[in-house]
């Protein structure tokens, strides 16, 4: 019998396909009885399973197309709570001299307030020290203090 090429599946053909498939006939026997190719029979069965899945609300792109297979039970993973993390202080407590030595110009520019304030405090202390030394020297010489 000559096989049909790209012919519509009639209701009679589909009924024959379902009857023979449920009887356990092979795809080749079904194709011969219907006058179609084996691939045509396989594709029609696939399309019918897919349409059935769509009518039941299933996913047509799911790879497992057999309807009667039980779905594996997936156990939820136990929830692990993360350990609390100790907060790290945002600002390190560093003395002004250490702060100036460690930081380069870019860091001083970026964190200007801390670095410049530390530099000002250091220069004020240096000026006080020079002023005290000058007053001492002038008092030893008997001059007026400035």
N, C-alpha and C. Protein backbone atom coordinates (compact mmCIF):
# COMPACT_ATOMS: atom_id res chain seq x y z
N UNK A 1 0.84 -1.18 0.00
CA UNK A 1 0.00 0.00 0.00
C UNK A 1 0.89 1.24 0.00
N UNK A 2 0.53 2.21 -0.78
CA UNK A 2 1.31 3.43 -0.90
C UNK A 2 1.00 4.34 0.29
N UNK A 3 2.06 4.92 0.92
CA UNK A 3 1.84 5.77 2.09
C UNK A 3 1.41 7.17 1.66
N UNK A 4 0.59 7.78 2.51
CA UNK A 4 0.10 9.12 2.23
C UNK A 4 1.16 10.14 2.63
N UNK A 5 1.38 11.11 1.80
CA UNK A 5 2.37 12.14 2.11
C UNK A 5 1.65 13.43 2.45
N UNK A 6 1.87 13.96 3.65
CA UNK A 6 1.31 15.22 4.12
C UNK A 6 -0.21 15.28 4.01
N UNK A 7 -0.87 14.19 4.32
CA UNK A 7 -2.34 14.16 4.27
C UNK A 7 -2.88 14.43 5.66
N UNK A 8 -4.07 14.99 5.71
CA UNK A 8 -4.74 15.25 6.97
C UNK A 8 -5.09 13.93 7.66
N UNK A 9 -5.06 13.94 8.99
CA UNK A 9 -5.46 12.78 9.76
C UNK A 9 -6.97 12.87 9.96
N UNK A 10 -7.66 11.89 9.49
CA UNK A 10 -9.12 11.86 9.65
C UNK A 10 -9.46 11.27 11.02
N UNK A 11 -10.71 11.43 11.41
CA UNK A 11 -11.18 10.88 12.68
C UNK A 11 -11.07 9.36 12.66
N UNK A 12 -11.35 8.79 11.50
CA UNK A 12 -11.24 7.32 11.35
C UNK A 12 -9.80 6.86 11.53
N UNK A 13 -8.83 7.62 10.94
CA UNK A 13 -7.41 7.27 11.09
C UNK A 13 -6.98 7.37 12.56
N UNK A 14 -7.41 8.41 13.24
CA UNK A 14 -7.04 8.60 14.65
C UNK A 14 -7.64 7.50 15.51
N UNK A 15 -8.88 7.12 15.26
CA UNK A 15 -9.50 6.03 16.02
C UNK A 15 -8.77 4.72 15.81
N UNK A 16 -8.37 4.45 14.58
CA UNK A 16 -7.61 3.23 14.28
C UNK A 16 -6.26 3.27 14.98
N UNK A 17 -5.63 4.42 14.95
CA UNK A 17 -4.33 4.58 15.62
C UNK A 17 -4.46 4.33 17.12
N UNK A 18 -5.46 4.90 17.75
CA UNK A 18 -5.65 4.72 19.19
C UNK A 18 -5.98 3.26 19.54
N UNK A 19 -6.85 2.65 18.74
CA UNK A 19 -7.24 1.26 19.00
C UNK A 19 -6.05 0.33 18.88
N UNK A 20 -5.24 0.48 17.82
CA UNK A 20 -4.10 -0.41 17.60
C UNK A 20 -2.98 -0.13 18.61
N UNK A 21 -2.83 1.13 18.96
CA UNK A 21 -1.79 1.49 19.93
C UNK A 21 -2.12 0.92 21.31
N UNK A 22 -3.38 1.01 21.72
CA UNK A 22 -3.77 0.47 23.02
C UNK A 22 -3.73 -1.06 23.02
N UNK A 23 -3.87 -1.68 21.82
CA UNK A 23 -3.78 -3.14 21.72
C UNK A 23 -2.33 -3.61 21.77
N UNK A 24 -1.38 -2.68 21.69
CA UNK A 24 0.04 -3.04 21.78
C UNK A 24 0.70 -3.31 20.45
N UNK A 25 0.08 -2.90 19.37
CA UNK A 25 0.67 -3.09 18.04
C UNK A 25 1.89 -2.19 17.89
N UNK A 26 2.84 -2.61 17.06
CA UNK A 26 4.04 -1.81 16.82
C UNK A 26 3.71 -0.65 15.88
N UNK A 27 4.59 0.35 15.89
CA UNK A 27 4.38 1.52 15.03
C UNK A 27 4.40 1.15 13.55
N UNK A 28 5.21 0.17 13.20
CA UNK A 28 5.30 -0.26 11.79
C UNK A 28 3.97 -0.89 11.36
N UNK A 29 3.38 -1.74 12.23
CA UNK A 29 2.10 -2.38 11.90
C UNK A 29 0.99 -1.34 11.76
N UNK A 30 0.99 -0.33 12.66
CA UNK A 30 -0.02 0.72 12.59
C UNK A 30 0.14 1.52 11.31
N UNK A 31 1.41 1.85 10.97
CA UNK A 31 1.68 2.63 9.76
C UNK A 31 1.24 1.87 8.51
N UNK A 32 1.48 0.56 8.48
CA UNK A 32 1.08 -0.25 7.33
C UNK A 32 -0.44 -0.29 7.20
N UNK A 33 -1.13 -0.43 8.34
CA UNK A 33 -2.59 -0.52 8.31
C UNK A 33 -3.22 0.79 7.87
N UNK A 34 -2.59 1.91 8.23
CA UNK A 34 -3.15 3.22 7.87
C UNK A 34 -2.62 3.75 6.54
N UNK A 35 -1.61 3.09 5.99
CA UNK A 35 -1.03 3.56 4.74
C UNK A 35 -0.19 4.81 4.95
N UNK A 36 0.49 4.87 6.07
CA UNK A 36 1.33 6.03 6.41
C UNK A 36 2.73 5.55 6.75
N UNK A 37 3.65 6.51 6.93
CA UNK A 37 5.01 6.14 7.32
C UNK A 37 5.07 5.95 8.83
N UNK A 38 6.10 5.22 9.25
CA UNK A 38 6.27 4.99 10.68
C UNK A 38 6.49 6.31 11.41
N UNK A 39 7.28 7.20 10.81
CA UNK A 39 7.54 8.51 11.41
C UNK A 39 6.26 9.32 11.53
N UNK A 40 5.37 9.21 10.56
CA UNK A 40 4.09 9.92 10.61
C UNK A 40 3.24 9.44 11.78
N UNK A 41 3.25 8.12 12.02
CA UNK A 41 2.50 7.56 13.15
C UNK A 41 3.10 8.04 14.47
N UNK A 42 4.41 8.02 14.58
CA UNK A 42 5.09 8.46 15.80
C UNK A 42 4.79 9.93 16.07
N UNK A 43 4.85 10.75 15.04
CA UNK A 43 4.60 12.18 15.22
C UNK A 43 3.14 12.46 15.60
N UNK A 44 2.19 11.72 15.01
CA UNK A 44 0.78 11.92 15.36
C UNK A 44 0.53 11.53 16.81
N UNK A 45 1.15 10.45 17.27
CA UNK A 45 1.01 10.05 18.68
C UNK A 45 1.60 11.13 19.59
N UNK A 46 2.74 11.67 19.18
CA UNK A 46 3.39 12.74 19.96
C UNK A 46 2.47 13.96 20.04
N UNK A 47 1.91 14.36 18.90
CA UNK A 47 1.03 15.54 18.87
C UNK A 47 -0.23 15.32 19.71
N UNK A 48 -0.76 14.10 19.71
CA UNK A 48 -1.95 13.81 20.51
C UNK A 48 -1.61 13.87 22.00
N UNK A 49 -0.47 13.30 22.39
CA UNK A 49 -0.05 13.38 23.80
C UNK A 49 0.15 14.83 24.22
N UNK A 50 0.74 15.60 23.33
CA UNK A 50 0.99 17.02 23.62
C UNK A 50 -0.32 17.79 23.78
N UNK A 51 -1.27 17.53 22.90
CA UNK A 51 -2.57 18.19 22.99
C UNK A 51 -3.28 17.79 24.27
N UNK A 52 -3.14 16.53 24.68
CA UNK A 52 -3.76 16.06 25.91
C UNK A 52 -3.13 16.76 27.12
N UNK A 53 -1.81 16.90 27.10
CA UNK A 53 -1.12 17.61 28.18
C UNK A 53 -1.56 19.06 28.25
N UNK A 54 -1.70 19.71 27.10
CA UNK A 54 -2.13 21.11 27.07
C UNK A 54 -3.55 21.25 27.62
N UNK A 55 -4.41 20.28 27.32
CA UNK A 55 -5.79 20.36 27.81
C UNK A 55 -5.84 20.16 29.32
N UNK A 56 -4.86 19.44 29.89
CA UNK A 56 -4.79 19.24 31.34
C UNK A 56 -4.00 20.34 32.02
N UNK A 57 -3.49 21.29 31.26
CA UNK A 57 -2.74 22.40 31.85
C UNK A 57 -1.27 22.10 32.04
N UNK A 58 -0.75 21.15 31.32
CA UNK A 58 0.66 20.79 31.44
C UNK A 58 1.55 21.64 30.56
N UNK A 59 2.83 21.38 30.64
CA UNK A 59 3.82 22.10 29.85
C UNK A 59 4.10 21.30 28.58
N UNK A 60 3.82 21.84 27.38
CA UNK A 60 4.04 21.06 26.16
C UNK A 60 5.52 20.85 25.84
N UNK A 61 6.39 21.63 26.43
CA UNK A 61 7.82 21.48 26.14
C UNK A 61 8.51 20.52 27.10
N UNK A 62 7.76 19.92 27.99
CA UNK A 62 8.34 18.97 28.93
C UNK A 62 8.83 17.77 28.15
N UNK A 63 10.03 17.26 28.50
CA UNK A 63 10.62 16.18 27.72
C UNK A 63 9.92 14.85 27.95
N UNK A 64 9.39 14.61 29.14
CA UNK A 64 8.72 13.36 29.43
C UNK A 64 7.26 13.47 28.99
N UNK A 65 6.90 12.78 27.90
CA UNK A 65 5.56 12.91 27.35
C UNK A 65 4.63 11.78 27.75
N UNK A 66 5.12 10.79 28.46
CA UNK A 66 4.23 9.71 28.86
C UNK A 66 3.33 10.22 29.97
N UNK A 67 2.05 9.94 29.85
CA UNK A 67 1.06 10.51 30.75
C UNK A 67 0.98 9.74 32.06
N UNK A 68 1.16 8.43 32.02
CA UNK A 68 0.93 7.60 33.19
C UNK A 68 2.13 7.49 34.12
N UNK A 69 3.25 8.09 33.80
CA UNK A 69 4.42 7.99 34.66
C UNK A 69 4.24 8.84 35.90
N UNK A 70 4.54 8.29 37.07
CA UNK A 70 4.43 9.10 38.30
C UNK A 70 5.57 10.11 38.36
N UNK A 71 5.26 11.28 38.88
CA UNK A 71 6.27 12.32 39.00
C UNK A 71 7.07 12.09 40.28
N UNK A 72 8.38 12.27 40.23
CA UNK A 72 9.18 12.08 41.45
C UNK A 72 8.86 13.15 42.48
N UNK A 73 8.86 12.73 43.74
CA UNK A 73 8.58 13.66 44.83
C UNK A 73 9.88 14.37 45.20
N UNK A 74 9.83 15.68 45.18
CA UNK A 74 11.01 16.47 45.50
C UNK A 74 10.88 16.98 46.93
N UNK A 75 11.85 16.60 47.77
CA UNK A 75 11.82 17.05 49.15
C UNK A 75 12.46 18.44 49.23
N UNK A 76 11.86 19.34 49.98
CA UNK A 76 12.46 20.67 50.11
C UNK A 76 13.75 20.59 50.92
N UNK A 77 14.70 21.42 50.54
CA UNK A 77 15.97 21.46 51.24
C UNK A 77 15.78 22.17 52.58
N UNK A 78 16.49 21.71 53.61
CA UNK A 78 16.35 22.37 54.90
C UNK A 78 16.91 23.79 54.85
N UNK A 79 16.23 24.68 55.54
CA UNK A 79 16.64 26.08 55.55
C UNK A 79 17.71 26.25 56.62
N UNK A 80 18.85 26.78 56.22
CA UNK A 80 19.95 27.01 57.14
C UNK A 80 20.03 28.50 57.40
N UNK A 81 19.90 28.86 58.67
CA UNK A 81 19.98 30.27 59.03
C UNK A 81 21.45 30.69 59.10
N UNK A 82 21.80 31.82 58.49
CA UNK A 82 23.20 32.26 58.57
C UNK A 82 23.53 32.73 59.99
N UNK A 83 24.78 32.52 60.36
CA UNK A 83 25.22 32.95 61.68
C UNK A 83 25.32 34.47 61.71
N UNK A 84 25.01 35.08 62.86
CA UNK A 84 25.12 36.53 62.92
C UNK A 84 26.58 36.96 62.80
N UNK A 85 26.77 38.04 62.08
CA UNK A 85 28.12 38.54 61.83
C UNK A 85 28.36 39.73 62.75
N UNK A 86 29.54 39.73 63.37
CA UNK A 86 29.90 40.85 64.24
C UNK A 86 30.15 42.07 63.39
N UNK A 87 29.56 43.18 63.81
CA UNK A 87 29.73 44.40 63.03
C UNK A 87 31.12 44.97 63.24
N UNK A 88 31.72 45.41 62.17
CA UNK A 88 33.05 46.01 62.21
C UNK A 88 32.84 47.52 62.22
N UNK A 89 33.54 48.24 63.09
CA UNK A 89 33.36 49.69 63.10
C UNK A 89 33.77 50.30 61.77
N UNK A 90 33.04 51.32 61.35
CA UNK A 90 33.29 51.95 60.05
C UNK A 90 34.57 52.78 60.06
N UNK A 91 34.85 53.43 61.18
CA UNK A 91 35.98 54.34 61.21
C UNK A 91 37.07 53.80 62.13
N UNK A 92 38.27 53.60 61.63
CA UNK A 92 39.34 53.14 62.52
C UNK A 92 39.80 54.27 63.44
N UNK A 93 40.15 53.90 64.65
CA UNK A 93 40.67 54.91 65.57
C UNK A 93 42.18 54.97 65.38
N UNK A 94 42.64 55.98 64.69
CA UNK A 94 44.06 56.13 64.37
C UNK A 94 44.50 57.51 64.83
N UNK A 95 45.68 57.56 65.40
CA UNK A 95 46.22 58.85 65.84
C UNK A 95 46.57 59.68 64.60
N UNK A 96 46.55 61.03 64.73
CA UNK A 96 46.80 61.89 63.57
C UNK A 96 48.14 61.63 62.88
N UNK A 97 49.22 61.38 63.64
CA UNK A 97 50.52 61.16 63.00
C UNK A 97 50.47 59.89 62.14
N UNK A 98 49.88 58.82 62.69
CA UNK A 98 49.79 57.58 61.95
C UNK A 98 48.91 57.76 60.71
N UNK A 99 47.84 58.51 60.87
CA UNK A 99 46.93 58.73 59.77
C UNK A 99 47.63 59.43 58.61
N UNK A 100 48.48 60.44 58.94
CA UNK A 100 49.17 61.18 57.89
C UNK A 100 50.24 60.34 57.22
N UNK A 101 50.91 59.49 57.97
CA UNK A 101 51.99 58.69 57.38
C UNK A 101 51.42 57.59 56.48
N UNK A 102 50.32 57.00 56.88
CA UNK A 102 49.77 55.89 56.13
C UNK A 102 49.08 56.33 54.85
N UNK A 103 48.43 57.47 54.87
CA UNK A 103 47.62 57.87 53.73
C UNK A 103 48.41 58.70 52.73
N UNK A 104 48.24 58.40 51.47
CA UNK A 104 48.86 59.17 50.41
C UNK A 104 47.98 60.34 50.02
N UNK A 105 48.39 61.08 49.01
CA UNK A 105 47.65 62.28 48.62
C UNK A 105 46.24 61.96 48.14
N UNK A 106 46.07 60.82 47.45
CA UNK A 106 44.75 60.47 46.94
C UNK A 106 43.79 60.18 48.09
N UNK A 107 44.29 59.46 49.07
CA UNK A 107 43.44 59.15 50.21
C UNK A 107 43.11 60.41 51.00
N UNK A 108 44.08 61.32 51.12
CA UNK A 108 43.81 62.58 51.81
C UNK A 108 42.79 63.41 51.04
N UNK A 109 42.87 63.34 49.70
CA UNK A 109 41.91 64.07 48.88
C UNK A 109 40.52 63.44 49.02
N UNK A 110 40.48 62.13 49.02
CA UNK A 110 39.21 61.42 49.08
C UNK A 110 38.58 61.53 50.47
N UNK A 111 39.37 61.34 51.50
CA UNK A 111 38.89 61.42 52.88
C UNK A 111 39.40 62.71 53.50
N UNK A 112 39.24 63.79 52.79
CA UNK A 112 39.85 65.06 53.15
C UNK A 112 39.62 65.53 54.56
N UNK A 113 38.40 65.42 55.08
CA UNK A 113 38.10 65.98 56.38
C UNK A 113 38.97 65.39 57.47
N UNK A 114 39.06 64.08 57.55
CA UNK A 114 39.82 63.43 58.61
C UNK A 114 41.30 63.74 58.49
N UNK A 115 41.82 63.61 57.31
CA UNK A 115 43.25 63.80 57.12
C UNK A 115 43.65 65.25 57.32
N UNK A 116 42.88 66.18 56.77
CA UNK A 116 43.23 67.59 56.91
C UNK A 116 43.08 68.06 58.35
N UNK A 117 42.05 67.58 59.03
CA UNK A 117 41.88 67.93 60.43
C UNK A 117 43.06 67.42 61.25
N UNK A 118 43.50 66.21 60.96
CA UNK A 118 44.64 65.65 61.68
C UNK A 118 45.90 66.46 61.39
N UNK A 119 46.05 66.87 60.15
CA UNK A 119 47.23 67.68 59.77
C UNK A 119 47.19 69.04 60.48
N UNK A 120 46.01 69.65 60.57
CA UNK A 120 45.87 70.95 61.24
C UNK A 120 46.22 70.83 62.72
N UNK A 121 45.70 69.79 63.36
CA UNK A 121 46.00 69.57 64.78
C UNK A 121 47.50 69.39 64.98
N UNK A 122 48.14 68.64 64.10
CA UNK A 122 49.58 68.41 64.19
C UNK A 122 50.36 69.71 64.01
N UNK A 123 49.98 70.52 63.01
CA UNK A 123 50.67 71.79 62.78
C UNK A 123 50.45 72.78 63.92
N UNK A 124 49.24 72.80 64.50
CA UNK A 124 48.99 73.68 65.65
C UNK A 124 49.87 73.28 66.82
N UNK A 125 50.01 71.97 67.06
CA UNK A 125 50.88 71.50 68.15
C UNK A 125 52.33 71.90 67.87
N UNK A 126 52.74 71.81 66.62
CA UNK A 126 54.12 72.19 66.26
C UNK A 126 54.34 73.69 66.45
N UNK A 127 53.35 74.51 66.06
CA UNK A 127 53.46 75.96 66.24
C UNK A 127 53.52 76.31 67.73
N UNK A 128 52.69 75.65 68.55
CA UNK A 128 52.73 75.87 69.99
C UNK A 128 54.10 75.54 70.56
N UNK A 129 54.64 74.42 70.08
CA UNK A 129 55.98 74.02 70.56
C UNK A 129 57.04 75.04 70.16
N UNK A 130 56.99 75.54 68.95
CA UNK A 130 57.95 76.56 68.49
C UNK A 130 57.76 77.85 69.28
N UNK A 131 56.51 78.23 69.54
CA UNK A 131 56.22 79.46 70.28
C UNK A 131 56.75 79.36 71.72
N UNK A 132 56.56 78.21 72.35
CA UNK A 132 57.07 78.01 73.71
C UNK A 132 58.59 78.07 73.72
N UNK A 133 59.22 77.44 72.74
CA UNK A 133 60.69 77.46 72.67
C UNK A 133 61.20 78.87 72.44
N UNK A 134 60.53 79.64 71.62
CA UNK A 134 60.92 81.02 71.35
C UNK A 134 60.78 81.88 72.60
N UNK A 135 59.68 81.75 73.33
CA UNK A 135 59.48 82.50 74.57
C UNK A 135 60.54 82.14 75.61
N UNK A 136 60.91 80.87 75.69
CA UNK A 136 61.95 80.45 76.62
C UNK A 136 63.27 81.12 76.26
N UNK A 137 63.60 81.09 75.00
CA UNK A 137 64.85 81.67 74.52
C UNK A 137 64.88 83.17 74.79
N UNK A 138 63.77 83.85 74.52
CA UNK A 138 63.70 85.29 74.75
C UNK A 138 63.77 85.61 76.25
N UNK A 139 63.16 84.79 77.07
CA UNK A 139 63.23 85.06 78.51
C UNK A 139 64.63 84.85 79.05
N UNK A 140 65.38 83.94 78.47
CA UNK A 140 66.77 83.74 78.90
C UNK A 140 67.63 84.92 78.50
N UNK A 141 67.31 85.52 77.39
CA UNK A 141 68.06 86.66 76.92
C UNK A 141 67.60 87.97 77.60
N UNK A 142 66.49 87.91 78.31
CA UNK A 142 65.98 89.07 78.98
C UNK A 142 65.13 89.95 78.06
N UNK A 143 64.74 89.44 76.98
CA UNK A 143 63.89 90.18 76.04
C UNK A 143 62.42 90.00 76.41
N UNK A 144 61.60 90.86 75.86
CA UNK A 144 60.16 90.71 76.08
C UNK A 144 59.64 89.49 75.29
N UNK A 145 58.63 88.94 75.84
CA UNK A 145 58.04 87.78 75.16
C UNK A 145 57.15 88.23 74.00
N UNK A 146 57.03 87.39 73.01
CA UNK A 146 56.16 87.77 71.90
C UNK A 146 54.84 87.10 71.97
